PDB file of N, CA and C in Angstrom:
ATOM      1  N   MET A   1     145.017  96.375 149.065  1.00  0.00           N
ATOM      2  CA  MET A   1     144.558  97.335 150.033  1.00  0.00           C
ATOM      3  C   MET A   1     143.880  98.485 149.298  1.00  0.00           C
ATOM      4  N   THR A   2     142.933  99.086 149.984  1.00  0.00           N
ATOM      5  CA  THR A   2     142.192 100.208 149.420  1.00  0.00           C
ATOM      6  C   THR A   2     142.201 101.356 150.419  1.00  0.00           C
ATOM      7  N   TYR A   3     142.472 102.560 149.922  1.00  0.00           N
ATOM      8  CA  TYR A   3     142.505 103.740 150.779  1.00  0.00           C
ATOM      9  C   TYR A   3     141.284 104.593 150.474  1.00  0.00           C
ATOM     10  N   ILE A   4     140.548 104.976 151.512  1.00  0.00           N
ATOM     11  CA  ILE A   4     139.367 105.821 151.340  1.00  0.00           C
ATOM     12  C   ILE A   4     139.720 107.229 151.812  1.00  0.00           C
ATOM     13  N   TYR A   5     139.829 108.112 150.832  1.00  0.00           N
ATOM     14  CA  TYR A   5     140.088 109.519 151.121  1.00  0.00           C
ATOM     15  C   TYR A   5     138.767 110.253 151.015  1.00  0.00           C
ATOM     16  N   PRO A   6     138.370 111.124 151.843  1.00  0.00           N
ATOM     17  CA  PRO A   6     139.066 111.856 152.887  1.00  0.00           C
ATOM     18  C   PRO A   6     138.882 111.263 154.277  1.00  0.00           C
ATOM     19  N   LEU A   7     138.395 110.043 154.388  1.00  0.00           N
ATOM     20  CA  LEU A   7     138.191 109.431 155.709  1.00  0.00           C
ATOM     21  C   LEU A   7     139.487 108.923 156.327  1.00  0.00           C
ATOM     22  N   ASP A   8     140.525 108.785 155.513  1.00  0.00           N
ATOM     23  CA  ASP A   8     141.821 108.268 155.967  1.00  0.00           C
ATOM     24  C   ASP A   8     141.698 106.854 156.529  1.00  0.00           C
ATOM     25  N   VAL A   9     140.906 106.046 155.830  1.00  0.00           N
ATOM     26  CA  VAL A   9     140.685 104.653 156.223  1.00  0.00           C
ATOM     27  C   VAL A   9     141.376 103.748 155.209  1.00  0.00           C
ATOM     28  N   LEU A  10     142.123 102.802 155.706  1.00  0.00           N
ATOM     29  CA  LEU A  10     142.773 101.811 154.857  1.00  0.00           C
ATOM     30  C   LEU A  10     142.018 100.501 155.007  1.00  0.00           C
ATOM     31  N   LEU A  11     141.436 100.022 153.914  1.00  0.00           N
ATOM     32  CA  LEU A  11     140.785  98.710 153.923  1.00  0.00           C
ATOM     33  C   LEU A  11     141.868  97.687 153.623  1.00  0.00           C
ATOM     34  N   SER A  12     142.103  96.822 154.555  1.00  0.00           N
ATOM     35  CA  SER A  12     143.248  95.922 154.465  1.00  0.00           C
ATOM     36  C   SER A  12     143.045  94.770 153.494  1.00  0.00           C
ATOM     37  N   ASP A  13     141.813  94.524 153.096  1.00  0.00           N
ATOM     38  CA  ASP A  13     141.514  93.380 152.233  1.00  0.00           C
ATOM     39  C   ASP A  13     142.155  92.139 152.839  1.00  0.00           C
ATOM     40  N   ASP A  14     143.026  91.472 152.120  1.00  0.00           N
ATOM     41  CA  ASP A  14     143.635  90.265 152.661  1.00  0.00           C
ATOM     42  C   ASP A  14     144.992  90.519 153.310  1.00  0.00           C
ATOM     43  N   ALA A  15     145.444  91.750 153.315  1.00  0.00           N
ATOM     44  CA  ALA A  15     146.785  92.034 153.829  1.00  0.00           C
ATOM     45  C   ALA A  15     146.953  91.673 155.293  1.00  0.00           C
ATOM     46  N   PHE A  16     145.959  91.949 156.114  1.00  0.00           N
ATOM     47  CA  PHE A  16     146.032  91.617 157.531  1.00  0.00           C
ATOM     48  C   PHE A  16     144.889  90.684 157.878  1.00  0.00           C
ATOM     49  N   ASP A  17     144.649  89.783 157.013  1.00  0.00           N
ATOM     50  CA  ASP A  17     143.532  88.854 157.100  1.00  0.00           C
ATOM     51  C   ASP A  17     143.554  88.078 158.409  1.00  0.00           C
ATOM     52  N   SER A  18     142.393  87.673 158.853  1.00  0.00           N
ATOM     53  CA  SER A  18     142.301  86.705 159.936  1.00  0.00           C
ATOM     54  C   SER A  18     141.077  85.850 159.673  1.00  0.00           C
ATOM     55  N   PHE A  19     140.998  84.758 160.342  1.00  0.00           N
ATOM     56  CA  PHE A  19     139.940  83.786 160.071  1.00  0.00           C
ATOM     57  C   PHE A  19     138.562  84.330 160.367  1.00  0.00           C
ATOM     58  N   SER A  20     138.475  85.188 161.342  1.00  0.00           N
ATOM     59  CA  SER A  20     137.185  85.735 161.731  1.00  0.00           C
ATOM     60  C   SER A  20     137.394  87.130 162.288  1.00  0.00           C
ATOM     61  N   ILE A  21     136.363  87.925 162.241  1.00  0.00           N
ATOM     62  CA  ILE A  21     136.441  89.290 162.733  1.00  0.00           C
ATOM     63  C   ILE A  21     135.416  89.446 163.848  1.00  0.00           C
ATOM     64  N   PRO A  22     135.858  89.897 165.021  1.00  0.00           N
ATOM     65  CA  PRO A  22     134.887  90.110 166.110  1.00  0.00           C
ATOM     66  C   PRO A  22     133.823  91.111 165.705  1.00  0.00           C
ATOM     67  N   ILE A  23     132.634  90.944 166.213  1.00  0.00           N
ATOM     68  CA  ILE A  23     131.518  91.820 165.890  1.00  0.00           C
ATOM     69  C   ILE A  23     131.757  93.222 166.438  1.00  0.00           C
ATOM     70  N   SER A  24     132.422  93.338 167.571  1.00  0.00           N
ATOM     71  CA  SER A  24     132.627  94.619 168.227  1.00  0.00           C
ATOM     72  C   SER A  24     134.070  95.082 168.080  1.00  0.00           C
ATOM     73  N   ILE A  25     134.260  96.379 167.996  1.00  0.00           N
ATOM     74  CA  ILE A  25     135.607  96.932 167.988  1.00  0.00           C
ATOM     75  C   ILE A  25     136.264  96.702 169.340  1.00  0.00           C
ATOM     76  N   PHE A  26     135.491  96.816 170.400  1.00  0.00           N
ATOM     77  CA  PHE A  26     136.009  96.640 171.751  1.00  0.00           C
ATOM     78  C   PHE A  26     135.747  95.212 172.203  1.00  0.00           C
ATOM     79  N   ASP A  27     136.701  94.631 172.868  1.00  0.00           N
ATOM     80  CA  ASP A  27     136.603  93.245 173.316  1.00  0.00           C
ATOM     81  C   ASP A  27     135.889  93.168 174.663  1.00  0.00           C
ATOM     82  N   VAL A  28     134.717  93.776 174.750  1.00  0.00           N
ATOM     83  CA  VAL A  28     134.004  93.821 176.019  1.00  0.00           C
ATOM     84  C   VAL A  28     133.400  92.483 176.411  1.00  0.00           C
ATOM     85  N   GLU A  29     133.150  91.649 175.455  1.00  0.00           N
ATOM     86  CA  GLU A  29     132.538  90.357 175.760  1.00  0.00           C
ATOM     87  C   GLU A  29     133.505  89.192 175.563  1.00  0.00           C
ATOM     88  N   GLY A  30     134.783  89.492 175.353  1.00  0.00           N
ATOM     89  CA  GLY A  30     135.766  88.432 175.198  1.00  0.00           C
ATOM     90  C   GLY A  30     135.766  87.765 173.837  1.00  0.00           C
ATOM     91  N   GLU A  31     135.055  88.324 172.864  1.00  0.00           N
ATOM     92  CA  GLU A  31     134.959  87.727 171.532  1.00  0.00           C
ATOM     93  C   GLU A  31     136.320  87.643 170.853  1.00  0.00           C
ATOM     94  N   ALA A  32     137.074  88.727 170.876  1.00  0.00           N
ATOM     95  CA  ALA A  32     138.381  88.727 170.220  1.00  0.00           C
ATOM     96  C   ALA A  32     139.311  87.712 170.880  1.00  0.00           C
ATOM     97  N   SER A  33     139.286  87.637 172.191  1.00  0.00           N
ATOM     98  CA  SER A  33     140.129  86.677 172.904  1.00  0.00           C
ATOM     99  C   SER A  33     139.765  85.243 172.538  1.00  0.00           C
ATOM    100  N   ARG A  34     138.481  84.996 172.340  1.00  0.00           N
ATOM    101  CA  ARG A  34     138.012  83.656 172.026  1.00  0.00           C
ATOM    102  C   ARG A  34     138.511  83.179 170.662  1.00  0.00           C
ATOM    103  N   ILE A  35     138.578  84.079 169.687  1.00  0.00           N
ATOM    104  CA  ILE A  35     138.956  83.655 168.338  1.00  0.00           C
ATOM    105  C   ILE A  35     140.437  83.854 168.035  1.00  0.00           C
ATOM    106  N   MET A  36     141.186  84.470 168.958  1.00  0.00           N
ATOM    107  CA  MET A  36     142.573  84.824 168.674  1.00  0.00           C
ATOM    108  C   MET A  36     143.428  83.622 168.280  1.00  0.00           C
ATOM    109  N   GLN A  37     143.244  82.481 168.922  1.00  0.00           N
ATOM    110  CA  GLN A  37     144.065  81.313 168.565  1.00  0.00           C
ATOM    111  C   GLN A  37     143.829  80.898 167.124  1.00  0.00           C
ATOM    112  N   TYR A  38     142.604  80.994 166.659  1.00  0.00           N
ATOM    113  CA  TYR A  38     142.290  80.639 165.275  1.00  0.00           C
ATOM    114  C   TYR A  38     142.816  81.689 164.300  1.00  0.00           C
ATOM    115  N   ALA A  39     142.728  82.959 164.692  1.00  0.00           N
ATOM    116  CA  ALA A  39     143.236  84.045 163.846  1.00  0.00           C
ATOM    117  C   ALA A  39     144.744  83.929 163.686  1.00  0.00           C
ATOM    118  N   ARG A  40     145.449  83.615 164.771  1.00  0.00           N
ATOM    119  CA  ARG A  40     146.906  83.451 164.697  1.00  0.00           C
ATOM    120  C   ARG A  40     147.277  82.295 163.771  1.00  0.00           C
ATOM    121  N   LYS A  41     146.588  81.178 163.909  1.00  0.00           N
ATOM    122  CA  LYS A  41     146.876  80.012 163.066  1.00  0.00           C
ATOM    123  C   LYS A  41     146.653  80.360 161.594  1.00  0.00           C
ATOM    124  N   HIS A  42     145.564  81.055 161.308  1.00  0.00           N
ATOM    125  CA  HIS A  42     145.259  81.440 159.933  1.00  0.00           C
ATOM    126  C   HIS A  42     146.315  82.411 159.408  1.00  0.00           C
ATOM    127  N   LEU A  43     146.712  83.362 160.241  1.00  0.00           N
ATOM    128  CA  LEU A  43     147.715  84.334 159.831  1.00  0.00           C
ATOM    129  C   LEU A  43     149.027  83.645 159.471  1.00  0.00           C
ATOM    130  N   VAL A  44     149.460  82.730 160.299  1.00  0.00           N
ATOM    131  CA  VAL A  44     150.726  82.038 160.071  1.00  0.00           C
ATOM    132  C   VAL A  44     150.644  81.106 158.861  1.00  0.00           C
ATOM    133  N   SER A  45     149.570  80.336 158.751  1.00  0.00           N
ATOM    134  CA  SER A  45     149.504  79.319 157.702  1.00  0.00           C
ATOM    135  C   SER A  45     149.058  79.851 156.338  1.00  0.00           C
ATOM    136  N   ILE A  46     148.252  80.883 156.293  1.00  0.00           N
ATOM    137  CA  ILE A  46     147.736  81.386 155.024  1.00  0.00           C
ATOM    138  C   ILE A  46     148.383  82.724 154.651  1.00  0.00           C
ATOM    139  N   VAL A  47     148.228  83.702 155.484  1.00  0.00           N
ATOM    140  CA  VAL A  47     148.693  85.052 155.172  1.00  0.00           C
ATOM    141  C   VAL A  47     150.215  85.138 155.196  1.00  0.00           C
ATOM    142  N   GLY A  48     150.848  84.349 156.047  1.00  0.00           N
ATOM    143  CA  GLY A  48     152.303  84.370 156.158  1.00  0.00           C
ATOM    144  C   GLY A  48     153.000  84.141 154.831  1.00  0.00           C
ATOM    145  N   LYS A  49     152.379  83.403 153.959  1.00  0.00           N
ATOM    146  CA  LYS A  49     152.935  83.123 152.632  1.00  0.00           C
ATOM    147  C   LYS A  49     153.130  84.414 151.838  1.00  0.00           C
ATOM    148  N   TYR A  50     152.321  85.416 152.117  1.00  0.00           N
ATOM    149  CA  TYR A  50     152.358  86.663 151.362  1.00  0.00           C
ATOM    150  C   TYR A  50     152.999  87.810 152.144  1.00  0.00           C
ATOM    151  N   ARG A  51     153.723  87.493 153.191  1.00  0.00           N
ATOM    152  CA  ARG A  51     154.278  88.528 154.063  1.00  0.00           C
ATOM    153  C   ARG A  51     155.182  89.500 153.308  1.00  0.00           C
ATOM    154  N   LYS A  52     155.939  89.007 152.331  1.00  0.00           N
ATOM    155  CA  LYS A  52     156.820  89.890 151.565  1.00  0.00           C
ATOM    156  C   LYS A  52     155.991  90.952 150.835  1.00  0.00           C
ATOM    157  N   ASN A  53     154.888  90.543 150.223  1.00  0.00           N
ATOM    158  CA  ASN A  53     154.025  91.491 149.517  1.00  0.00           C
ATOM    159  C   ASN A  53     153.405  92.494 150.482  1.00  0.00           C
ATOM    160  N   ILE A  54     153.005  92.017 151.645  1.00  0.00           N
ATOM    161  CA  ILE A  54     152.387  92.892 152.640  1.00  0.00           C
ATOM    162  C   ILE A  54     153.392  93.938 153.103  1.00  0.00           C
ATOM    163  N   ILE A  55     154.605  93.511 153.400  1.00  0.00           N
ATOM    164  CA  ILE A  55     155.644  94.433 153.853  1.00  0.00           C
ATOM    165  C   ILE A  55     155.952  95.468 152.767  1.00  0.00           C
ATOM    166  N   GLU A  56     156.017  95.023 151.512  1.00  0.00           N
ATOM    167  CA  GLU A  56     156.273  95.952 150.407  1.00  0.00           C
ATOM    168  C   GLU A  56     155.145  96.977 150.286  1.00  0.00           C
ATOM    169  N   ASN A  57     153.905  96.533 150.425  1.00  0.00           N
ATOM    170  CA  ASN A  57     152.776  97.458 150.297  1.00  0.00           C
ATOM    171  C   ASN A  57     152.697  98.436 151.462  1.00  0.00           C
ATOM    172  N   VAL A  58     153.014  97.985 152.654  1.00  0.00           N
ATOM    173  CA  VAL A  58     153.059  98.904 153.800  1.00  0.00           C
ATOM    174  C   VAL A  58     154.173  99.924 153.576  1.00  0.00           C
ATOM    175  N   GLY A  59     155.288  99.483 153.017  1.00  0.00           N
ATOM    176  CA  GLY A  59     156.378 100.398 152.684  1.00  0.00           C
ATOM    177  C   GLY A  59     155.946 101.469 151.692  1.00  0.00           C
ATOM    178  N   LYS A  60     155.146 101.080 150.704  1.00  0.00           N
ATOM    179  CA  LYS A  60     154.630 102.047 149.725  1.00  0.00           C
ATOM    180  C   LYS A  60     153.760 103.094 150.414  1.00  0.00           C
ATOM    181  N   ILE A  61     152.926 102.642 151.333  1.00  0.00           N
ATOM    182  CA  ILE A  61     152.060 103.572 152.073  1.00  0.00           C
ATOM    183  C   ILE A  61     152.905 104.569 152.844  1.00  0.00           C
ATOM    184  N   LEU A  62     153.962 104.093 153.483  1.00  0.00           N
ATOM    185  CA  LEU A  62     154.840 104.973 154.248  1.00  0.00           C
ATOM    186  C   LEU A  62     155.578 105.953 153.332  1.00  0.00           C
ATOM    187  N   ARG A  63     156.060 105.465 152.189  1.00  0.00           N
ATOM    188  CA  ARG A  63     156.817 106.322 151.275  1.00  0.00           C
ATOM    189  C   ARG A  63     155.971 107.449 150.693  1.00  0.00           C
ATOM    190  N   ILE A  64     154.719 107.165 150.355  1.00  0.00           N
ATOM    191  CA  ILE A  64     153.894 108.220 149.757  1.00  0.00           C
ATOM    192  C   ILE A  64     153.220 109.083 150.817  1.00  0.00           C
ATOM    193  N   GLY A  65     153.364 108.704 152.069  1.00  0.00           N
ATOM    194  CA  GLY A  65     152.897 109.539 153.173  1.00  0.00           C
ATOM    195  C   GLY A  65     151.390 109.557 153.378  1.00  0.00           C
ATOM    196  N   LEU A  66     150.714 108.450 153.076  1.00  0.00           N
ATOM    197  CA  LEU A  66     149.272 108.404 153.343  1.00  0.00           C
ATOM    198  C   LEU A  66     149.017 108.539 154.838  1.00  0.00           C
ATOM    199  N   LYS A  67     148.045 109.342 155.165  1.00  0.00           N
ATOM    200  CA  LYS A  67     147.637 109.514 156.558  1.00  0.00           C
ATOM    201  C   LYS A  67     146.555 108.476 156.838  1.00  0.00           C
ATOM    202  N   VAL A  68     146.865 107.495 157.658  1.00  0.00           N
ATOM    203  CA  VAL A  68     145.916 106.420 157.950  1.00  0.00           C
ATOM    204  C   VAL A  68     145.453 106.553 159.401  1.00  0.00           C
ATOM    205  N   LYS A  69     144.144 106.769 159.570  1.00  0.00           N
ATOM    206  CA  LYS A  69     143.572 106.855 160.917  1.00  0.00           C
ATOM    207  C   LYS A  69     143.059 105.498 161.393  1.00  0.00           C
ATOM    208  N   VAL A  70     142.555 104.702 160.433  1.00  0.00           N
ATOM    209  CA  VAL A  70     141.939 103.416 160.776  1.00  0.00           C
ATOM    210  C   VAL A  70     142.345 102.383 159.738  1.00  0.00           C
ATOM    211  N   ILE A  71     142.711 101.195 160.203  1.00  0.00           N
ATOM    212  CA  ILE A  71     142.887 100.044 159.315  1.00  0.00           C
ATOM    213  C   ILE A  71     141.704  99.131 159.582  1.00  0.00           C
ATOM    214  N   ALA A  72     140.946  98.836 158.535  1.00  0.00           N
ATOM    215  CA  ALA A  72     139.720  98.061 158.694  1.00  0.00           C
ATOM    216  C   ALA A  72     139.667  96.941 157.661  1.00  0.00           C
ATOM    217  N   PRO A  73     138.945  95.871 157.973  1.00  0.00           N
ATOM    218  CA  PRO A  73     138.759  94.827 156.970  1.00  0.00           C
ATOM    219  C   PRO A  73     137.855  95.346 155.863  1.00  0.00           C
ATOM    220  N   ALA A  74     138.013  94.812 154.672  1.00  0.00           N
ATOM    221  CA  ALA A  74     137.168  95.244 153.558  1.00  0.00           C
ATOM    222  C   ALA A  74     135.793  94.611 153.653  1.00  0.00           C
ATOM    223  N   TRP A  75     135.700  93.507 154.337  1.00  0.00           N
ATOM    224  CA  TRP A  75     134.440  92.778 154.439  1.00  0.00           C
ATOM    225  C   TRP A  75     134.332  92.200 155.838  1.00  0.00           C
ATOM    226  N   THR A  76     133.216  92.412 156.494  1.00  0.00           N
ATOM    227  CA  THR A  76     133.064  91.926 157.864  1.00  0.00           C
ATOM    228  C   THR A  76     132.320  90.609 157.940  1.00  0.00           C
ATOM    229  N   GLY A  77     131.618  90.249 156.870  1.00  0.00           N
ATOM    230  CA  GLY A  77     130.829  89.031 156.907  1.00  0.00           C
ATOM    231  C   GLY A  77     129.483  89.217 157.580  1.00  0.00           C
ATOM    232  N   LEU A  78     129.176  90.431 157.969  1.00  0.00           N
ATOM    233  CA  LEU A  78     127.905  90.696 158.636  1.00  0.00           C
ATOM    234  C   LEU A  78     126.832  90.981 157.606  1.00  0.00           C
ATOM    235  N   GLU A  79     125.669  90.456 157.850  1.00  0.00           N
ATOM    236  CA  GLU A  79     124.522  90.728 156.978  1.00  0.00           C
ATOM    237  C   GLU A  79     124.053  92.149 157.196  1.00  0.00           C
ATOM    238  N   GLU A  80     123.636  92.796 156.146  1.00  0.00           N
ATOM    239  CA  GLU A  80     123.109  94.162 156.298  1.00  0.00           C
ATOM    240  C   GLU A  80     121.637  94.122 156.538  1.00  0.00           C
TER     241      GLU A  80
END
């Protein structure tokens, strides 16, 4: 995970990984709902293996008192 100060943004990298990331923050077109079954499967089968590490790292964030306003993926897969 990467923390961007002073924006208070936590880039989750692979910590809260999912198979795909909706293009929009808001699910106005049903994109997030459409991919949720695949994201859940990926989370359980791939990311679940590292859940202990994820929990430990979230604990570190809480202990040091980082102020997190946004948790975001480190890479969206979108072309610039």
